[in-house]
C-alpha cells in the first residue's frame, strides 16, 4: 500500500477546436442531409449545442 500518491505529471492537451461554419457551408450541409436529420441539425446550428446535449433533452408533450 502507498503512504502517499506519487506525483504524476498530466499531459497537456490542446483545447478542442471550435469551427464556425459560414452561411454557405450551413446551407450546403442542410441541403445534403436526409430529411429526418434536418430539424436536429438546424436546432444544433441555431443553439450551438453539441449533439450529445441535444439528444439528452427531454421534451414535455
N, C-alpha and C. Protein backbone atom coordinates (compact mmCIF):
# COMPACT_ATOMS: atom_id res chain seq x y z
N UNK A 1 0.85 -1.17 0.00
CA UNK A 1 0.00 0.00 0.00
C UNK A 1 0.90 1.24 0.00
N UNK A 2 0.44 2.28 -0.66
CA UNK A 2 1.20 3.53 -0.73
C UNK A 2 0.84 4.44 0.43
N UNK A 3 1.87 5.12 0.97
CA UNK A 3 1.62 6.10 2.02
C UNK A 3 1.11 7.41 1.45
N UNK A 4 1.50 7.70 0.21
CA UNK A 4 1.04 8.93 -0.44
C UNK A 4 0.94 8.69 -1.94
N UNK A 5 0.22 9.53 -2.60
CA UNK A 5 0.05 9.41 -4.04
C UNK A 5 1.29 10.01 -4.72
N UNK A 6 1.93 9.23 -5.59
CA UNK A 6 3.11 9.78 -6.26
C UNK A 6 2.70 10.91 -7.22
N UNK A 7 3.62 11.84 -7.40
CA UNK A 7 3.35 12.96 -8.31
C UNK A 7 3.33 12.45 -9.75
N UNK A 8 2.26 12.76 -10.43
CA UNK A 8 2.11 12.37 -11.83
C UNK A 8 1.88 13.63 -12.64
N UNK A 9 2.71 13.83 -13.64
CA UNK A 9 2.54 15.00 -14.49
C UNK A 9 1.43 14.71 -15.50
N UNK A 10 0.50 15.62 -15.58
CA UNK A 10 -0.59 15.49 -16.54
C UNK A 10 -0.09 15.93 -17.91
N UNK A 11 -0.52 15.21 -18.93
CA UNK A 11 -0.18 15.61 -20.28
C UNK A 11 -1.00 16.83 -20.66
N UNK A 12 -0.36 17.78 -21.28
CA UNK A 12 -1.08 18.97 -21.73
C UNK A 12 -1.75 18.67 -23.06
N UNK A 13 -3.03 18.90 -23.11
CA UNK A 13 -3.78 18.68 -24.33
C UNK A 13 -4.22 20.04 -24.87
N UNK A 14 -4.11 20.22 -26.17
CA UNK A 14 -4.59 21.50 -26.71
C UNK A 14 -6.11 21.59 -26.55
N UNK A 15 -6.62 22.80 -26.40
CA UNK A 15 -8.08 22.93 -26.28
C UNK A 15 -8.76 22.44 -27.55
N UNK A 16 -9.98 21.92 -27.42
CA UNK A 16 -10.67 21.43 -28.62
C UNK A 16 -10.90 22.57 -29.61
N UNK A 17 -10.83 22.23 -30.88
CA UNK A 17 -11.06 23.23 -31.93
C UNK A 17 -12.53 23.57 -32.01
N UNK A 18 -12.80 24.83 -32.17
CA UNK A 18 -14.17 25.27 -32.40
C UNK A 18 -14.23 25.80 -33.83
N UNK A 19 -15.10 25.23 -34.60
CA UNK A 19 -15.22 25.61 -36.00
C UNK A 19 -16.57 26.29 -36.22
N UNK A 20 -16.53 27.44 -36.84
CA UNK A 20 -17.77 28.13 -37.18
C UNK A 20 -17.98 28.00 -38.67
N UNK A 21 -19.15 27.53 -39.04
CA UNK A 21 -19.48 27.38 -40.45
C UNK A 21 -19.99 28.71 -41.00
N UNK A 22 -19.65 28.97 -42.24
CA UNK A 22 -20.22 30.14 -42.92
C UNK A 22 -21.68 29.81 -43.27
N UNK A 23 -22.43 30.83 -43.63
CA UNK A 23 -23.83 30.59 -44.03
C UNK A 23 -23.89 29.66 -45.24
N UNK A 24 -22.95 29.82 -46.16
CA UNK A 24 -22.92 28.96 -47.34
C UNK A 24 -22.64 27.51 -46.95
N UNK A 25 -21.73 27.30 -45.99
CA UNK A 25 -21.43 25.94 -45.53
C UNK A 25 -22.62 25.33 -44.81
N UNK A 26 -23.32 26.14 -44.00
CA UNK A 26 -24.51 25.64 -43.31
C UNK A 26 -25.57 25.21 -44.32
N UNK A 27 -25.79 26.03 -45.35
CA UNK A 27 -26.79 25.70 -46.37
C UNK A 27 -26.40 24.43 -47.10
N UNK A 28 -25.13 24.30 -47.44
CA UNK A 28 -24.68 23.09 -48.15
C UNK A 28 -24.87 21.86 -47.27
N UNK A 29 -24.55 21.98 -45.99
CA UNK A 29 -24.73 20.87 -45.05
C UNK A 29 -26.19 20.44 -45.01
N UNK A 30 -27.08 21.40 -44.81
CA UNK A 30 -28.51 21.10 -44.71
C UNK A 30 -29.04 20.52 -46.02
N UNK A 31 -28.57 21.05 -47.13
CA UNK A 31 -29.02 20.55 -48.44
C UNK A 31 -28.62 19.09 -48.67
N UNK A 32 -27.52 18.65 -48.06
CA UNK A 32 -27.02 17.29 -48.26
C UNK A 32 -27.60 16.28 -47.27
N UNK A 33 -28.29 16.77 -46.24
CA UNK A 33 -28.81 15.88 -45.19
C UNK A 33 -30.05 15.13 -45.63
N UNK A 34 -30.24 13.92 -45.09
CA UNK A 34 -31.54 13.26 -45.27
C UNK A 34 -32.60 14.07 -44.52
N UNK A 35 -33.82 14.03 -45.00
CA UNK A 35 -34.90 14.85 -44.44
C UNK A 35 -35.09 14.67 -42.93
N UNK A 36 -34.91 13.45 -42.42
CA UNK A 36 -35.18 13.22 -41.00
C UNK A 36 -34.13 13.86 -40.08
N UNK A 37 -32.97 14.26 -40.61
CA UNK A 37 -31.93 14.87 -39.79
C UNK A 37 -31.95 16.40 -39.83
N UNK A 38 -32.67 16.97 -40.77
CA UNK A 38 -32.66 18.42 -40.94
C UNK A 38 -33.10 19.17 -39.67
N UNK A 39 -34.21 18.81 -39.02
CA UNK A 39 -34.62 19.57 -37.83
C UNK A 39 -33.57 19.57 -36.71
N UNK A 40 -32.96 18.44 -36.44
CA UNK A 40 -32.00 18.40 -35.33
C UNK A 40 -30.73 19.17 -35.67
N UNK A 41 -30.31 19.13 -36.93
CA UNK A 41 -29.11 19.88 -37.32
C UNK A 41 -29.40 21.38 -37.33
N UNK A 42 -30.57 21.78 -37.79
CA UNK A 42 -30.94 23.20 -37.73
C UNK A 42 -30.99 23.68 -36.28
N UNK A 43 -31.51 22.85 -35.38
CA UNK A 43 -31.54 23.19 -33.96
C UNK A 43 -30.12 23.34 -33.42
N UNK A 44 -29.23 22.43 -33.79
CA UNK A 44 -27.84 22.50 -33.35
C UNK A 44 -27.17 23.77 -33.86
N UNK A 45 -27.39 24.09 -35.12
CA UNK A 45 -26.79 25.29 -35.69
C UNK A 45 -27.33 26.56 -35.02
N UNK A 46 -28.61 26.57 -34.69
CA UNK A 46 -29.23 27.75 -34.08
C UNK A 46 -28.82 27.94 -32.63
N UNK A 47 -28.58 26.84 -31.91
CA UNK A 47 -28.30 26.94 -30.47
C UNK A 47 -26.83 26.81 -30.12
N UNK A 48 -26.06 26.16 -30.98
CA UNK A 48 -24.65 25.91 -30.66
C UNK A 48 -24.45 24.72 -29.73
N UNK A 49 -25.54 24.00 -29.42
CA UNK A 49 -25.42 22.83 -28.56
C UNK A 49 -24.76 21.67 -29.30
N UNK A 50 -24.05 20.84 -28.54
CA UNK A 50 -23.48 19.63 -29.11
C UNK A 50 -24.57 18.58 -29.22
N UNK A 51 -24.37 17.64 -30.14
CA UNK A 51 -25.39 16.61 -30.36
C UNK A 51 -25.68 15.82 -29.09
N UNK A 52 -24.65 15.56 -28.28
CA UNK A 52 -24.89 14.80 -27.04
C UNK A 52 -25.82 15.57 -26.10
N UNK A 53 -25.72 16.89 -26.09
CA UNK A 53 -26.62 17.70 -25.27
C UNK A 53 -28.03 17.72 -25.84
N UNK A 54 -28.13 17.81 -27.15
CA UNK A 54 -29.44 17.87 -27.80
C UNK A 54 -30.18 16.55 -27.62
N UNK A 55 -29.50 15.44 -27.85
CA UNK A 55 -30.18 14.15 -27.75
C UNK A 55 -30.54 13.79 -26.32
N UNK A 56 -29.96 14.49 -25.35
CA UNK A 56 -30.30 14.25 -23.95
C UNK A 56 -31.45 15.10 -23.45
N UNK A 57 -31.93 16.02 -24.28
CA UNK A 57 -33.03 16.88 -23.86
C UNK A 57 -34.33 16.09 -23.75
N UNK A 58 -35.14 16.47 -22.78
CA UNK A 58 -36.45 15.85 -22.62
C UNK A 58 -37.50 16.90 -22.96
N UNK A 59 -38.46 16.52 -23.76
CA UNK A 59 -39.50 17.43 -24.20
C UNK A 59 -40.82 17.03 -23.55
N UNK A 60 -41.50 18.00 -22.94
CA UNK A 60 -42.83 17.73 -22.39
C UNK A 60 -43.82 17.78 -23.53
N UNK A 61 -44.71 16.82 -23.56
CA UNK A 61 -45.73 16.77 -24.61
C UNK A 61 -47.03 17.31 -24.09
